[in-house]
Amino acid sequence: MNFAAIDFETADFGPDSACAVAVVRVRDGRIVGRGHSLIRPPRREFAFTHIHGITWNDVRDQPPFGKVWPGLARLIEGADFLAAHNAPFDRGVLRACCSEAGLRLPPLQFTCTVRLAREVWGVYPTRLPDVCRHLGIPLRHHDAASDAEACARIVIAAEARDMPAQPAARRRPHARRPS
């Protein structure tokens, strides 16, 4: 099992407004690397401080995504896939931030730990705190480093149950396959 878990926190409703990012690298079922950074988003407006606690004052002197990402991208080199809780959100933020910064989007598929938690353990609701409580994973919700590590631990727990987390290995039996 060779993957990276990623989590973003955003400042506003724009997917390019990342204000924090964390990446946790896993090899052979063990966490082998971590990276986290605050990011100066492209706009000063913060709509989600009440969720993650990050303000403009926290990030105004931080580097923009384009300066942060190359260092964190080293953690995903060689990974088979990326994992995120509510993967469409994080995939969209990564796509928008890479586009805005003129950086190449990593060519990796995403595994969504929301879907994984539903499929493997039947957890509902599947908010990250609910899944973590079910699995006994510590969490400081909406702290990017904690959320990314929790996501990595969810994938590790699923793999320990012999439930493949890699996207290609998780095709549903009723899904149509090319002939």
C-alpha atoms as a PDB file:
ATOM      1  CA  MET A   1       0.000   0.000   0.000  1.00  0.00           C
ATOM      2  CA  ASN A   2       1.625   3.164  -1.253  1.00  0.00           C
ATOM      3  CA  PHE A   3      -0.416   6.360  -1.174  1.00  0.00           C
ATOM      4  CA  ALA A   4      -0.644   9.903   0.147  1.00  0.00           C
ATOM      5  CA  ALA A   5      -3.536  11.477   2.036  1.00  0.00           C
ATOM      6  CA  ILE A   6      -4.239  15.154   1.442  1.00  0.00           C
ATOM      7  CA  ASP A   7      -6.417  17.768   3.108  1.00  0.00           C
ATOM      8  CA  PHE A   8      -7.112  21.410   2.316  1.00  0.00           C
ATOM      9  CA  GLU A   9      -8.748  24.183   4.293  1.00  0.00           C
ATOM     10  CA  THR A  10     -10.116  27.079   2.236  1.00  0.00           C
ATOM     11  CA  ALA A  11     -10.596  30.747   3.008  1.00  0.00           C
ATOM     12  CA  ASP A  12     -13.699  31.388   0.924  1.00  0.00           C
ATOM     13  CA  PHE A  13     -16.083  29.744  -1.522  1.00  0.00           C
ATOM     14  CA  GLY A  14     -13.528  29.720  -4.359  1.00  0.00           C
ATOM     15  CA  PRO A  15     -11.733  26.410  -4.856  1.00  0.00           C
ATOM     16  CA  ASP A  16      -8.490  28.357  -5.419  1.00  0.00           C
ATOM     17  CA  SER A  17      -8.629  29.837  -1.892  1.00  0.00           C
ATOM     18  CA  ALA A  18      -6.573  27.209  -0.053  1.00  0.00           C
ATOM     19  CA  CYS A  19      -5.263  28.638   3.221  1.00  0.00           C
ATOM     20  CA  ALA A  20      -3.821  25.385   4.606  1.00  0.00           C
ATOM     21  CA  VAL A  21      -2.721  22.067   3.135  1.00  0.00           C
ATOM     22  CA  ALA A  22      -1.330  18.864   4.587  1.00  0.00           C
ATOM     23  CA  VAL A  23      -0.004  15.689   2.993  1.00  0.00           C
ATOM     24  CA  VAL A  24       0.666  12.401   4.808  1.00  0.00           C
ATOM     25  CA  ARG A  25       2.637   9.695   2.982  1.00  0.00           C
ATOM     26  CA  VAL A  26       2.040   5.992   3.615  1.00  0.00           C
ATOM     27  CA  ARG A  27       4.162   3.041   2.501  1.00  0.00           C
ATOM     28  CA  ASP A  28       3.481  -0.564   3.435  1.00  0.00           C
ATOM     29  CA  GLY A  29       0.750   0.427   5.885  1.00  0.00           C
ATOM     30  CA  ARG A  30       2.948   2.866   7.816  1.00  0.00           C
ATOM     31  CA  ILE A  31       3.060   6.648   7.849  1.00  0.00           C
ATOM     32  CA  VAL A  32       6.519   7.581   6.566  1.00  0.00           C
ATOM     33  CA  GLY A  33       6.211  11.308   5.922  1.00  0.00           C
ATOM     34  CA  ARG A  34       4.181  14.389   6.768  1.00  0.00           C
ATOM     35  CA  GLY A  35       4.054  17.923   5.464  1.00  0.00           C
ATOM     36  CA  HIS A  36       1.846  20.875   6.327  1.00  0.00           C
ATOM     37  CA  SER A  37       1.761  24.536   5.448  1.00  0.00           C
ATOM     38  CA  LEU A  38      -0.371  27.595   5.800  1.00  0.00           C
ATOM     39  CA  ILE A  39      -0.944  29.302   2.454  1.00  0.00           C
ATOM     40  CA  ARG A  40      -1.664  32.908   1.546  1.00  0.00           C
ATOM     41  CA  PRO A  41      -4.806  32.637  -0.595  1.00  0.00           C
ATOM     42  CA  PRO A  42      -5.340  34.933  -3.600  1.00  0.00           C
ATOM     43  CA  ARG A  43      -7.948  37.027  -1.737  1.00  0.00           C
ATOM     44  CA  ARG A  44      -8.020  38.582   1.737  1.00  0.00           C
ATOM     45  CA  GLU A  45     -11.644  37.610   2.456  1.00  0.00           C
ATOM     46  CA  PHE A  46     -12.183  34.721   4.867  1.00  0.00           C
ATOM     47  CA  ALA A  47     -15.612  33.104   5.008  1.00  0.00           C
ATOM     48  CA  PHE A  48     -14.665  29.976   6.962  1.00  0.00           C
ATOM     49  CA  THR A  49     -12.639  31.205   9.931  1.00  0.00           C
ATOM     50  CA  HIS A  50     -15.481  29.982  12.153  1.00  0.00           C
ATOM     51  CA  ILE A  51     -14.781  26.449  10.885  1.00  0.00           C
ATOM     52  CA  HIS A  52     -10.975  26.167  10.842  1.00  0.00           C
ATOM     53  CA  GLY A  53      -9.903  29.177  12.899  1.00  0.00           C
ATOM     54  CA  ILE A  54      -7.519  30.520  10.234  1.00  0.00           C
ATOM     55  CA  THR A  55      -7.602  34.272   9.576  1.00  0.00           C
ATOM     56  CA  TRP A  56      -5.976  36.619   7.079  1.00  0.00           C
ATOM     57  CA  ASN A  57      -3.562  37.685   9.825  1.00  0.00           C
ATOM     58  CA  ASP A  58      -2.424  34.059  10.145  1.00  0.00           C
ATOM     59  CA  VAL A  59      -1.581  33.744   6.443  1.00  0.00           C
ATOM     60  CA  ARG A  60      -0.781  37.210   5.088  1.00  0.00           C
ATOM     61  CA  ASP A  61       2.978  36.614   5.422  1.00  0.00           C
ATOM     62  CA  GLN A  62       2.810  32.975   4.263  1.00  0.00           C
ATOM     63  CA  PRO A  63       3.808  31.878   0.756  1.00  0.00           C
ATOM     64  CA  PRO A  64       1.150  31.371  -1.937  1.00  0.00           C
ATOM     65  CA  PHE A  65       0.235  27.869  -3.123  1.00  0.00           C
ATOM     66  CA  GLY A  66       2.680  28.006  -6.033  1.00  0.00           C
ATOM     67  CA  LYS A  67       5.598  28.318  -3.592  1.00  0.00           C
ATOM     68  CA  VAL A  68       4.247  25.783  -1.076  1.00  0.00           C
ATOM     69  CA  TRP A  69       3.196  22.951  -3.372  1.00  0.00           C
ATOM     70  CA  PRO A  70       6.556  21.935  -4.901  1.00  0.00           C
ATOM     71  CA  GLY A  71       7.872  20.991  -1.452  1.00  0.00           C
ATOM     72  CA  LEU A  72       4.753  19.033  -0.520  1.00  0.00           C
ATOM     73  CA  ALA A  73       4.524  17.410  -3.959  1.00  0.00           C
ATOM     74  CA  ARG A  74       7.696  15.476  -3.120  1.00  0.00           C
ATOM     75  CA  LEU A  75       5.626  13.551  -0.589  1.00  0.00           C
ATOM     76  CA  ILE A  76       3.310  12.236  -3.297  1.00  0.00           C
ATOM     77  CA  GLU A  77       6.029  11.240  -5.792  1.00  0.00           C
ATOM     78  CA  GLY A  78       5.707   7.525  -6.460  1.00  0.00           C
ATOM     79  CA  ALA A  79       2.332   7.217  -4.723  1.00  0.00           C
ATOM     80  CA  ASP A  80      -0.250   4.953  -6.347  1.00  0.00           C
ATOM     81  CA  PHE A  81      -3.160   7.231  -5.404  1.00  0.00           C
ATOM     82  CA  LEU A  82      -4.272  10.156  -3.251  1.00  0.00           C
ATOM     83  CA  ALA A  83      -6.810   9.765  -0.463  1.00  0.00           C
ATOM     84  CA  ALA A  84      -9.059  12.495   0.904  1.00  0.00           C
ATOM     85  CA  HIS A  85     -12.183  12.707   3.009  1.00  0.00           C
ATOM     86  CA  ASN A  86     -14.809  14.041   0.592  1.00  0.00           C
ATOM     87  CA  ALA A  87     -12.328  13.661  -2.259  1.00  0.00           C
ATOM     88  CA  PRO A  88     -14.259  15.753  -4.813  1.00  0.00           C
ATOM     89  CA  PHE A  89     -13.658  18.817  -2.611  1.00  0.00           C
ATOM     90  CA  ASP A  90      -9.911  18.285  -2.188  1.00  0.00           C
ATOM     91  CA  ARG A  91      -9.466  17.242  -5.822  1.00  0.00           C
ATOM     92  CA  GLY A  92     -11.230  20.459  -6.894  1.00  0.00           C
ATOM     93  CA  VAL A  93      -9.079  22.619  -4.618  1.00  0.00           C
ATOM     94  CA  LEU A  94      -5.892  20.946  -5.845  1.00  0.00           C
ATOM     95  CA  ARG A  95      -6.977  21.380  -9.467  1.00  0.00           C
ATOM     96  CA  ALA A  96      -7.891  25.062  -9.010  1.00  0.00           C
ATOM     97  CA  CYS A  97      -4.754  25.910  -7.041  1.00  0.00           C
ATOM     98  CA  CYS A  98      -2.456  24.159  -9.516  1.00  0.00           C
ATOM     99  CA  SER A  99      -4.185  25.922 -12.400  1.00  0.00           C
ATOM    100  CA  GLU A 100      -3.969  29.328 -10.697  1.00  0.00           C
ATOM    101  CA  ALA A 101      -0.259  28.780  -9.947  1.00  0.00           C
ATOM    102  CA  GLY A 102       0.544  27.405 -13.411  1.00  0.00           C
ATOM    103  CA  LEU A 103       1.580  24.042 -11.948  1.00  0.00           C
ATOM    104  CA  ARG A 104       0.977  20.580 -13.350  1.00  0.00           C
ATOM    105  CA  LEU A 105      -1.831  18.667 -11.625  1.00  0.00           C
ATOM    106  CA  PRO A 106      -0.552  15.358 -10.197  1.00  0.00           C
ATOM    107  CA  PRO A 107      -1.790  12.519 -12.431  1.00  0.00           C
ATOM    108  CA  LEU A 108      -3.150  10.444  -9.559  1.00  0.00           C
ATOM    109  CA  GLN A 109      -6.604   9.073  -8.926  1.00  0.00           C
ATOM    110  CA  PHE A 110      -8.334   9.885  -5.655  1.00  0.00           C
ATOM    111  CA  THR A 111      -9.855   7.503  -3.140  1.00  0.00           C
ATOM    112  CA  CYS A 112     -12.641   9.051  -1.091  1.00  0.00           C
ATOM    113  CA  THR A 113     -12.633   7.977   2.550  1.00  0.00           C
ATOM    114  CA  VAL A 114     -16.292   9.002   2.881  1.00  0.00           C
ATOM    115  CA  ARG A 115     -17.177   6.277   0.361  1.00  0.00           C
ATOM    116  CA  LEU A 116     -14.651   3.885   1.873  1.00  0.00           C
ATOM    117  CA  ALA A 117     -16.157   4.289   5.366  1.00  0.00           C
ATOM    118  CA  ARG A 118     -19.632   3.591   4.003  1.00  0.00           C
ATOM    119  CA  GLU A 119     -18.517   0.555   1.989  1.00  0.00           C
ATOM    120  CA  VAL A 120     -16.223  -1.041   4.582  1.00  0.00           C
ATOM    121  CA  TRP A 121     -17.883  -0.261   7.923  1.00  0.00           C
ATOM    122  CA  GLY A 122     -21.352   1.037   6.999  1.00  0.00           C
ATOM    123  CA  VAL A 123     -20.686   4.255   8.929  1.00  0.00           C
ATOM    124  CA  TYR A 124     -23.454   6.867   8.672  1.00  0.00           C
ATOM    125  CA  PRO A 125     -23.188   9.784   8.942  1.00  0.00           C
ATOM    126  CA  THR A 126     -19.740   9.823   7.387  1.00  0.00           C
ATOM    127  CA  ARG A 127     -18.415  13.184   8.535  1.00  0.00           C
ATOM    128  CA  LEU A 128     -14.745  12.828   9.434  1.00  0.00           C
ATOM    129  CA  PRO A 129     -15.381  13.083  13.209  1.00  0.00           C
ATOM    130  CA  ASP A 130     -17.983  10.293  12.959  1.00  0.00           C
ATOM    131  CA  VAL A 131     -15.651   7.963  11.068  1.00  0.00           C
ATOM    132  CA  CYS A 132     -12.747   8.730  13.404  1.00  0.00           C
ATOM    133  CA  ARG A 133     -14.898   8.092  16.469  1.00  0.00           C
ATOM    134  CA  HIS A 134     -16.020   4.758  14.979  1.00  0.00           C
ATOM    135  CA  LEU A 135     -12.403   3.706  14.324  1.00  0.00           C
ATOM    136  CA  GLY A 136     -10.833   5.252  17.451  1.00  0.00           C
ATOM    137  CA  ILE A 137      -8.671   7.650  15.431  1.00  0.00           C
ATOM    138  CA  PRO A 138      -7.647  10.898  17.180  1.00  0.00           C
ATOM    139  CA  LEU A 139      -8.761  14.049  15.377  1.00  0.00           C
ATOM    140  CA  ARG A 140      -8.550  17.842  15.640  1.00  0.00           C
ATOM    141  CA  HIS A 141     -11.179  18.450  12.985  1.00  0.00           C
ATOM    142  CA  HIS A 142     -10.452  21.151  10.373  1.00  0.00           C
ATOM    143  CA  ASP A 143      -6.765  21.184  11.243  1.00  0.00           C
ATOM    144  CA  ALA A 144      -5.326  20.135   7.859  1.00  0.00           C
ATOM    145  CA  ALA A 145      -2.486  18.082   9.377  1.00  0.00           C
ATOM    146  CA  SER A 146      -4.849  16.186  11.686  1.00  0.00           C
ATOM    147  CA  ASP A 147      -7.468  15.657   8.970  1.00  0.00           C
ATOM    148  CA  ALA A 148      -4.886  14.324   6.481  1.00  0.00           C
ATOM    149  CA  GLU A 149      -3.447  11.935   9.062  1.00  0.00           C
ATOM    150  CA  ALA A 150      -6.921  10.731  10.021  1.00  0.00           C
ATOM    151  CA  CYS A 151      -7.685  10.121   6.360  1.00  0.00           C
ATOM    152  CA  ALA A 152      -4.458   8.108   5.991  1.00  0.00           C
ATOM    153  CA  ARG A 153      -5.390   6.045   9.045  1.00  0.00           C
ATOM    154  CA  ILE A 154      -8.861   5.331   7.619  1.00  0.00           C
ATOM    155  CA  VAL A 155      -7.286   3.926   4.448  1.00  0.00           C
ATOM    156  CA  ILE A 156      -4.782   1.894   6.496  1.00  0.00           C
ATOM    157  CA  ALA A 157      -7.650   0.481   8.585  1.00  0.00           C
ATOM    158  CA  ALA A 158      -9.605  -0.474   5.460  1.00  0.00           C
ATOM    159  CA  GLU A 159      -6.566  -2.203   3.967  1.00  0.00           C
ATOM    160  CA  ALA A 160      -6.053  -4.084   7.253  1.00  0.00           C
ATOM    161  CA  ARG A 161      -9.519  -5.557   6.701  1.00  0.00           C
ATOM    162  CA  ASP A 162      -8.420  -6.681   3.220  1.00  0.00           C
ATOM    163  CA  MET A 163     -10.680  -4.060   1.655  1.00  0.00           C
ATOM    164  CA  PRO A 164      -8.684  -2.520  -1.198  1.00  0.00           C
ATOM    165  CA  ALA A 165      -8.613   1.257  -1.018  1.00  0.00           C
ATOM    166  CA  GLN A 166      -6.852   1.828  -4.333  1.00  0.00           C
ATOM    167  CA  PRO A 167      -9.405   3.211  -6.845  1.00  0.00           C
ATOM    168  CA  ALA A 168      -8.827   0.591  -9.566  1.00  0.00           C
ATOM    169  CA  ALA A 169      -9.162  -2.264  -7.073  1.00  0.00           C
ATOM    170  CA  ARG A 170     -12.486  -0.984  -5.715  1.00  0.00           C
ATOM    171  CA  ARG A 171     -14.621  -1.176  -8.844  1.00  0.00           C
ATOM    172  CA  ARG A 172     -18.137  -2.180  -7.960  1.00  0.00           C
ATOM    173  CA  PRO A 173     -19.174  -5.611  -9.271  1.00  0.00           C
ATOM    174  CA  HIS A 174     -22.144  -4.102 -11.099  1.00  0.00           C
ATOM    175  CA  ALA A 175     -20.020  -1.469 -12.850  1.00  0.00           C
ATOM    176  CA  ARG A 176     -19.774  -1.915 -16.581  1.00  0.00           C
ATOM    177  CA  ARG A 177     -16.339  -2.789 -17.767  1.00  0.00           C
ATOM    178  CA  PRO A 178     -15.097  -2.202 -21.303  1.00  0.00           C
ATOM    179  CA  SER A 179     -15.275  -5.322 -23.470  1.00  0.00           C
END
